[in-house]
């Protein structure tokens, strides 16, 4: 579970990250990252209707939240991160989602 200090909640901040942040993609997810003056890394999730119905979207969100928790420290301090699920995420296993997140996160660290 993500602590409250690690959650990006304001829709204006989420949309700003998605518009101006750097994108790092994998097969099932796209990660948008932007640097801020904040000292904490904050994460939000965007799982649209193209992924599935409400039950499926919430399941994917829970899996992504669980998978990104150990990876938060891999982002630069003060990052705002939005994890966007692609339509194939609904058919993926937890292991596949985790591997995709790790792959995209490794791209963040490489840049």
N, C-alpha and C. Protein backbone atom coordinates (compact mmCIF):
# COMPACT_ATOMS: atom_id res chain seq x y z
N UNK A 1 0.84 -1.18 0.00
CA UNK A 1 0.00 0.00 0.00
C UNK A 1 0.88 1.24 0.00
N UNK A 2 0.50 2.20 -0.80
CA UNK A 2 1.25 3.45 -0.86
C UNK A 2 0.91 4.32 0.34
N UNK A 3 1.91 4.88 1.01
CA UNK A 3 1.61 5.81 2.10
C UNK A 3 0.98 7.08 1.54
N UNK A 4 0.28 7.81 2.38
CA UNK A 4 -0.41 9.02 1.93
C UNK A 4 0.55 10.05 1.35
N UNK A 5 1.76 10.10 1.86
CA UNK A 5 2.74 11.07 1.37
C UNK A 5 3.25 10.72 -0.03
N UNK A 6 2.97 9.50 -0.50
CA UNK A 6 3.44 9.07 -1.82
C UNK A 6 2.35 9.10 -2.88
N UNK A 7 1.19 9.68 -2.55
CA UNK A 7 0.08 9.70 -3.50
C UNK A 7 -0.08 11.08 -4.12
N UNK A 8 -0.24 11.09 -5.41
CA UNK A 8 -0.51 12.31 -6.16
C UNK A 8 -2.01 12.36 -6.34
N UNK A 9 -2.68 13.36 -5.75
CA UNK A 9 -4.14 13.34 -5.69
C UNK A 9 -4.84 14.40 -6.54
N UNK A 10 -4.24 15.55 -6.70
CA UNK A 10 -4.92 16.64 -7.41
C UNK A 10 -4.95 16.38 -8.91
N UNK A 11 -6.13 16.50 -9.50
CA UNK A 11 -6.26 16.24 -10.93
C UNK A 11 -5.45 17.23 -11.75
N UNK A 12 -5.29 18.45 -11.26
CA UNK A 12 -4.49 19.43 -11.99
C UNK A 12 -3.01 19.01 -12.04
N UNK A 13 -2.51 18.44 -10.96
CA UNK A 13 -1.13 17.96 -10.93
C UNK A 13 -0.95 16.74 -11.82
N UNK A 14 -1.94 15.86 -11.81
CA UNK A 14 -1.88 14.64 -12.63
C UNK A 14 -1.88 15.01 -14.11
N UNK A 15 -2.77 15.92 -14.49
CA UNK A 15 -2.82 16.30 -15.91
C UNK A 15 -1.56 17.05 -16.31
N UNK A 16 -0.98 17.84 -15.42
CA UNK A 16 0.27 18.54 -15.73
C UNK A 16 1.41 17.55 -15.97
N UNK A 17 1.46 16.50 -15.16
CA UNK A 17 2.51 15.48 -15.33
C UNK A 17 2.31 14.77 -16.67
N UNK A 18 1.07 14.45 -17.01
CA UNK A 18 0.82 13.73 -18.25
C UNK A 18 1.09 14.60 -19.48
N UNK A 19 0.89 15.91 -19.36
CA UNK A 19 1.12 16.79 -20.50
C UNK A 19 2.59 17.15 -20.67
N UNK A 20 3.26 17.47 -19.57
CA UNK A 20 4.62 17.99 -19.68
C UNK A 20 5.70 17.02 -19.23
N UNK A 21 5.31 15.89 -18.67
CA UNK A 21 6.30 14.93 -18.18
C UNK A 21 6.93 14.13 -19.29
N UNK A 22 8.06 13.54 -18.99
CA UNK A 22 8.75 12.66 -19.92
C UNK A 22 8.09 11.29 -19.87
N UNK A 23 7.86 10.69 -21.05
CA UNK A 23 7.19 9.40 -21.13
C UNK A 23 8.20 8.27 -21.29
N UNK A 24 7.93 7.19 -20.58
CA UNK A 24 8.73 5.97 -20.68
C UNK A 24 7.73 4.83 -20.83
N UNK A 25 7.80 4.12 -21.96
CA UNK A 25 6.76 3.13 -22.22
C UNK A 25 7.28 1.70 -22.19
N UNK A 26 6.35 0.83 -21.91
CA UNK A 26 6.55 -0.62 -21.98
C UNK A 26 5.32 -1.16 -22.71
N UNK A 27 5.21 -2.45 -22.81
CA UNK A 27 4.11 -3.05 -23.56
C UNK A 27 2.75 -2.80 -22.92
N UNK A 28 2.70 -2.80 -21.60
CA UNK A 28 1.41 -2.71 -20.90
C UNK A 28 1.18 -1.40 -20.17
N UNK A 29 2.24 -0.62 -19.94
CA UNK A 29 2.11 0.63 -19.18
C UNK A 29 2.97 1.73 -19.81
N UNK A 30 2.57 2.96 -19.52
CA UNK A 30 3.37 4.13 -19.87
C UNK A 30 3.56 4.91 -18.57
N UNK A 31 4.80 5.29 -18.30
CA UNK A 31 5.08 6.07 -17.09
C UNK A 31 5.42 7.50 -17.52
N UNK A 32 4.72 8.47 -16.93
CA UNK A 32 5.00 9.88 -17.15
C UNK A 32 5.70 10.40 -15.89
N UNK A 33 6.85 11.04 -16.06
CA UNK A 33 7.64 11.50 -14.92
C UNK A 33 8.02 12.96 -15.13
N UNK A 34 7.87 13.75 -14.07
CA UNK A 34 8.33 15.13 -14.08
C UNK A 34 9.00 15.43 -12.74
N UNK A 35 9.99 16.29 -12.75
CA UNK A 35 10.71 16.68 -11.54
C UNK A 35 10.02 17.89 -10.90
N UNK A 36 9.96 17.89 -9.59
CA UNK A 36 9.40 19.02 -8.84
C UNK A 36 10.36 19.38 -7.72
N UNK A 37 10.04 20.44 -7.03
CA UNK A 37 10.86 20.86 -5.90
C UNK A 37 10.50 20.13 -4.61
N UNK A 38 9.50 19.27 -4.69
CA UNK A 38 9.08 18.50 -3.53
C UNK A 38 10.18 17.52 -3.12
N UNK A 39 10.18 17.11 -1.87
CA UNK A 39 11.18 16.15 -1.41
C UNK A 39 10.68 14.71 -1.50
N UNK A 40 9.37 14.51 -1.69
CA UNK A 40 8.81 13.16 -1.78
C UNK A 40 8.43 12.83 -3.21
N UNK A 41 8.63 11.58 -3.58
CA UNK A 41 8.14 11.08 -4.86
C UNK A 41 6.67 10.75 -4.69
N UNK A 42 5.84 11.22 -5.63
CA UNK A 42 4.41 10.97 -5.55
C UNK A 42 3.95 10.26 -6.81
N UNK A 43 2.99 9.34 -6.64
CA UNK A 43 2.54 8.49 -7.73
C UNK A 43 1.03 8.56 -7.86
N UNK A 44 0.55 8.54 -9.12
CA UNK A 44 -0.87 8.43 -9.43
C UNK A 44 -1.04 7.40 -10.52
N UNK A 45 -2.25 6.91 -10.70
CA UNK A 45 -2.54 5.89 -11.71
C UNK A 45 -3.66 6.37 -12.61
N UNK A 46 -3.53 6.09 -13.90
CA UNK A 46 -4.55 6.42 -14.88
C UNK A 46 -4.92 5.13 -15.61
N UNK A 47 -6.11 4.64 -15.31
CA UNK A 47 -6.58 3.41 -15.94
C UNK A 47 -7.92 3.74 -16.59
N UNK A 48 -7.91 3.91 -17.90
CA UNK A 48 -9.09 4.36 -18.63
C UNK A 48 -10.05 3.24 -18.98
N UNK A 49 -11.17 3.65 -19.57
CA UNK A 49 -12.22 2.71 -19.94
C UNK A 49 -11.79 1.73 -21.02
N UNK A 50 -10.74 2.07 -21.76
CA UNK A 50 -10.26 1.15 -22.79
C UNK A 50 -9.66 -0.12 -22.18
N UNK A 51 -9.32 -0.06 -20.89
CA UNK A 51 -8.76 -1.23 -20.20
C UNK A 51 -9.86 -2.23 -19.87
N UNK A 52 -11.04 -1.75 -19.54
CA UNK A 52 -12.14 -2.66 -19.21
C UNK A 52 -13.20 -1.95 -18.39
N UNK A 53 -14.12 -2.76 -17.86
CA UNK A 53 -15.18 -2.17 -17.03
C UNK A 53 -14.62 -1.79 -15.66
N UNK A 54 -15.46 -1.29 -14.81
CA UNK A 54 -15.03 -0.77 -13.51
C UNK A 54 -14.30 -1.81 -12.66
N UNK A 55 -14.80 -3.02 -12.64
CA UNK A 55 -14.19 -4.07 -11.84
C UNK A 55 -12.77 -4.36 -12.35
N UNK A 56 -12.61 -4.45 -13.65
CA UNK A 56 -11.31 -4.73 -14.25
C UNK A 56 -10.35 -3.57 -14.01
N UNK A 57 -10.83 -2.34 -14.18
CA UNK A 57 -9.97 -1.17 -13.97
C UNK A 57 -9.48 -1.09 -12.54
N UNK A 58 -10.34 -1.36 -11.58
CA UNK A 58 -9.92 -1.32 -10.18
C UNK A 58 -8.94 -2.44 -9.87
N UNK A 59 -9.12 -3.61 -10.47
CA UNK A 59 -8.20 -4.71 -10.27
C UNK A 59 -6.82 -4.34 -10.80
N UNK A 60 -6.78 -3.77 -12.01
CA UNK A 60 -5.51 -3.37 -12.59
C UNK A 60 -4.85 -2.29 -11.74
N UNK A 61 -5.63 -1.34 -11.24
CA UNK A 61 -5.09 -0.28 -10.38
C UNK A 61 -4.48 -0.86 -9.11
N UNK A 62 -5.17 -1.79 -8.48
CA UNK A 62 -4.64 -2.43 -7.27
C UNK A 62 -3.33 -3.16 -7.56
N UNK A 63 -3.29 -3.87 -8.69
CA UNK A 63 -2.08 -4.59 -9.04
C UNK A 63 -0.92 -3.64 -9.32
N UNK A 64 -1.19 -2.54 -10.03
CA UNK A 64 -0.15 -1.56 -10.31
C UNK A 64 0.33 -0.90 -9.03
N UNK A 65 -0.59 -0.57 -8.14
CA UNK A 65 -0.21 0.05 -6.87
C UNK A 65 0.70 -0.86 -6.06
N UNK A 66 0.36 -2.14 -6.04
CA UNK A 66 1.18 -3.10 -5.29
C UNK A 66 2.55 -3.28 -5.96
N UNK A 67 2.57 -3.27 -7.29
CA UNK A 67 3.82 -3.51 -8.02
C UNK A 67 4.77 -2.32 -7.95
N UNK A 68 4.24 -1.10 -7.84
CA UNK A 68 5.11 0.08 -7.85
C UNK A 68 5.64 0.43 -6.47
N UNK A 69 5.03 -0.06 -5.44
CA UNK A 69 5.46 0.29 -4.09
C UNK A 69 6.95 0.04 -3.85
N UNK A 70 7.51 -1.11 -4.20
CA UNK A 70 8.95 -1.29 -3.97
C UNK A 70 9.83 -0.50 -4.95
N UNK A 71 9.24 0.03 -6.01
CA UNK A 71 10.02 0.75 -7.03
C UNK A 71 10.07 2.26 -6.81
N UNK A 72 9.34 2.77 -5.83
CA UNK A 72 9.26 4.22 -5.63
C UNK A 72 10.63 4.83 -5.37
N UNK A 73 11.47 4.13 -4.65
CA UNK A 73 12.80 4.68 -4.34
C UNK A 73 13.72 4.71 -5.56
N UNK A 74 13.33 4.05 -6.66
CA UNK A 74 14.14 4.07 -7.87
C UNK A 74 13.98 5.37 -8.66
N UNK A 75 12.94 6.14 -8.36
CA UNK A 75 12.73 7.42 -9.05
C UNK A 75 13.55 8.50 -8.35
N UNK A 76 13.98 9.52 -9.09
CA UNK A 76 14.69 10.63 -8.45
C UNK A 76 13.80 11.29 -7.38
N UNK A 77 14.42 11.77 -6.33
CA UNK A 77 13.66 12.40 -5.24
C UNK A 77 12.87 13.60 -5.77
N UNK A 78 11.64 13.72 -5.34
CA UNK A 78 10.80 14.83 -5.76
C UNK A 78 10.08 14.62 -7.08
N UNK A 79 10.12 13.41 -7.60
CA UNK A 79 9.45 13.13 -8.87
C UNK A 79 7.95 13.02 -8.67
N UNK A 80 7.20 13.45 -9.68
CA UNK A 80 5.78 13.17 -9.76
C UNK A 80 5.63 12.16 -10.88
N UNK A 81 4.98 11.05 -10.59
CA UNK A 81 4.89 9.94 -11.52
C UNK A 81 3.42 9.59 -11.75
N UNK A 82 3.04 9.42 -13.03
CA UNK A 82 1.72 8.92 -13.37
C UNK A 82 1.92 7.64 -14.16
N UNK A 83 1.33 6.56 -13.68
CA UNK A 83 1.40 5.26 -14.36
C UNK A 83 0.10 5.09 -15.12
N UNK A 84 0.20 5.02 -16.45
CA UNK A 84 -0.99 4.87 -17.29
C UNK A 84 -1.03 3.46 -17.84
N UNK A 85 -2.14 2.76 -17.59
CA UNK A 85 -2.30 1.39 -18.07
C UNK A 85 -2.81 1.41 -19.51
N UNK A 86 -2.25 0.55 -20.32
CA UNK A 86 -2.68 0.38 -21.70
C UNK A 86 -3.72 -0.74 -21.77
N UNK A 87 -4.51 -0.81 -22.85
CA UNK A 87 -5.60 -1.79 -22.90
C UNK A 87 -5.20 -3.24 -22.64
N UNK A 88 -4.01 -3.66 -23.00
CA UNK A 88 -3.57 -5.03 -22.76
C UNK A 88 -3.38 -5.38 -21.30
N UNK A 89 -3.36 -4.39 -20.43
CA UNK A 89 -3.14 -4.63 -19.00
C UNK A 89 -4.25 -5.45 -18.37
N UNK A 90 -5.44 -5.41 -18.94
CA UNK A 90 -6.56 -6.16 -18.36
C UNK A 90 -6.36 -7.67 -18.48
N UNK A 91 -5.63 -8.12 -19.50
CA UNK A 91 -5.40 -9.54 -19.72
C UNK A 91 -4.09 -10.03 -19.09
N UNK A 92 -3.30 -9.11 -18.58
CA UNK A 92 -1.97 -9.45 -18.07
C UNK A 92 -2.04 -10.00 -16.65
N UNK A 93 -1.06 -10.83 -16.33
CA UNK A 93 -0.94 -11.32 -14.96
C UNK A 93 -0.20 -10.26 -14.13
N UNK A 94 -0.21 -10.46 -12.83
CA UNK A 94 0.50 -9.54 -11.94
C UNK A 94 1.99 -9.53 -12.26
N UNK A 95 2.55 -10.69 -12.55
CA UNK A 95 3.97 -10.80 -12.86
C UNK A 95 4.30 -10.00 -14.12
N UNK A 96 3.46 -10.09 -15.14
CA UNK A 96 3.69 -9.34 -16.37
C UNK A 96 3.62 -7.84 -16.12
N UNK A 97 2.65 -7.40 -15.33
CA UNK A 97 2.56 -5.97 -15.00
C UNK A 97 3.79 -5.51 -14.23
N UNK A 98 4.23 -6.32 -13.28
CA UNK A 98 5.42 -5.97 -12.49
C UNK A 98 6.65 -5.85 -13.37
N UNK A 99 6.82 -6.80 -14.28
CA UNK A 99 7.97 -6.77 -15.17
C UNK A 99 7.93 -5.54 -16.08
N UNK A 100 6.74 -5.19 -16.57
CA UNK A 100 6.60 -4.00 -17.41
C UNK A 100 6.92 -2.73 -16.63
N UNK A 101 6.47 -2.66 -15.39
CA UNK A 101 6.78 -1.49 -14.56
C UNK A 101 8.29 -1.40 -14.30
N UNK A 102 8.91 -2.51 -14.00
CA UNK A 102 10.36 -2.51 -13.76
C UNK A 102 11.12 -2.10 -15.01
N UNK A 103 10.68 -2.56 -16.17
CA UNK A 103 11.33 -2.20 -17.43
C UNK A 103 11.22 -0.70 -17.69
N UNK A 104 10.01 -0.15 -17.52
CA UNK A 104 9.82 1.29 -17.74
C UNK A 104 10.58 2.11 -16.71
N UNK A 105 10.63 1.63 -15.47
CA UNK A 105 11.36 2.34 -14.42
C UNK A 105 12.87 2.33 -14.71
N UNK A 106 13.36 1.24 -15.27
CA UNK A 106 14.78 1.19 -15.61
C UNK A 106 15.11 2.22 -16.70
N UNK A 107 14.16 2.48 -17.59
CA UNK A 107 14.36 3.53 -18.61
C UNK A 107 14.45 4.90 -17.96
N UNK A 108 13.68 5.13 -16.91
CA UNK A 108 13.72 6.41 -16.20
C UNK A 108 15.12 6.61 -15.63
N UNK A 109 15.65 5.59 -15.01
CA UNK A 109 16.97 5.69 -14.38
C UNK A 109 18.08 5.83 -15.41
N UNK A 110 17.89 5.29 -16.60
CA UNK A 110 18.91 5.36 -17.64
C UNK A 110 19.01 6.75 -18.28
N UNK A 111 17.92 7.50 -18.21
CA UNK A 111 17.94 8.82 -18.87
C UNK A 111 18.50 9.90 -17.99
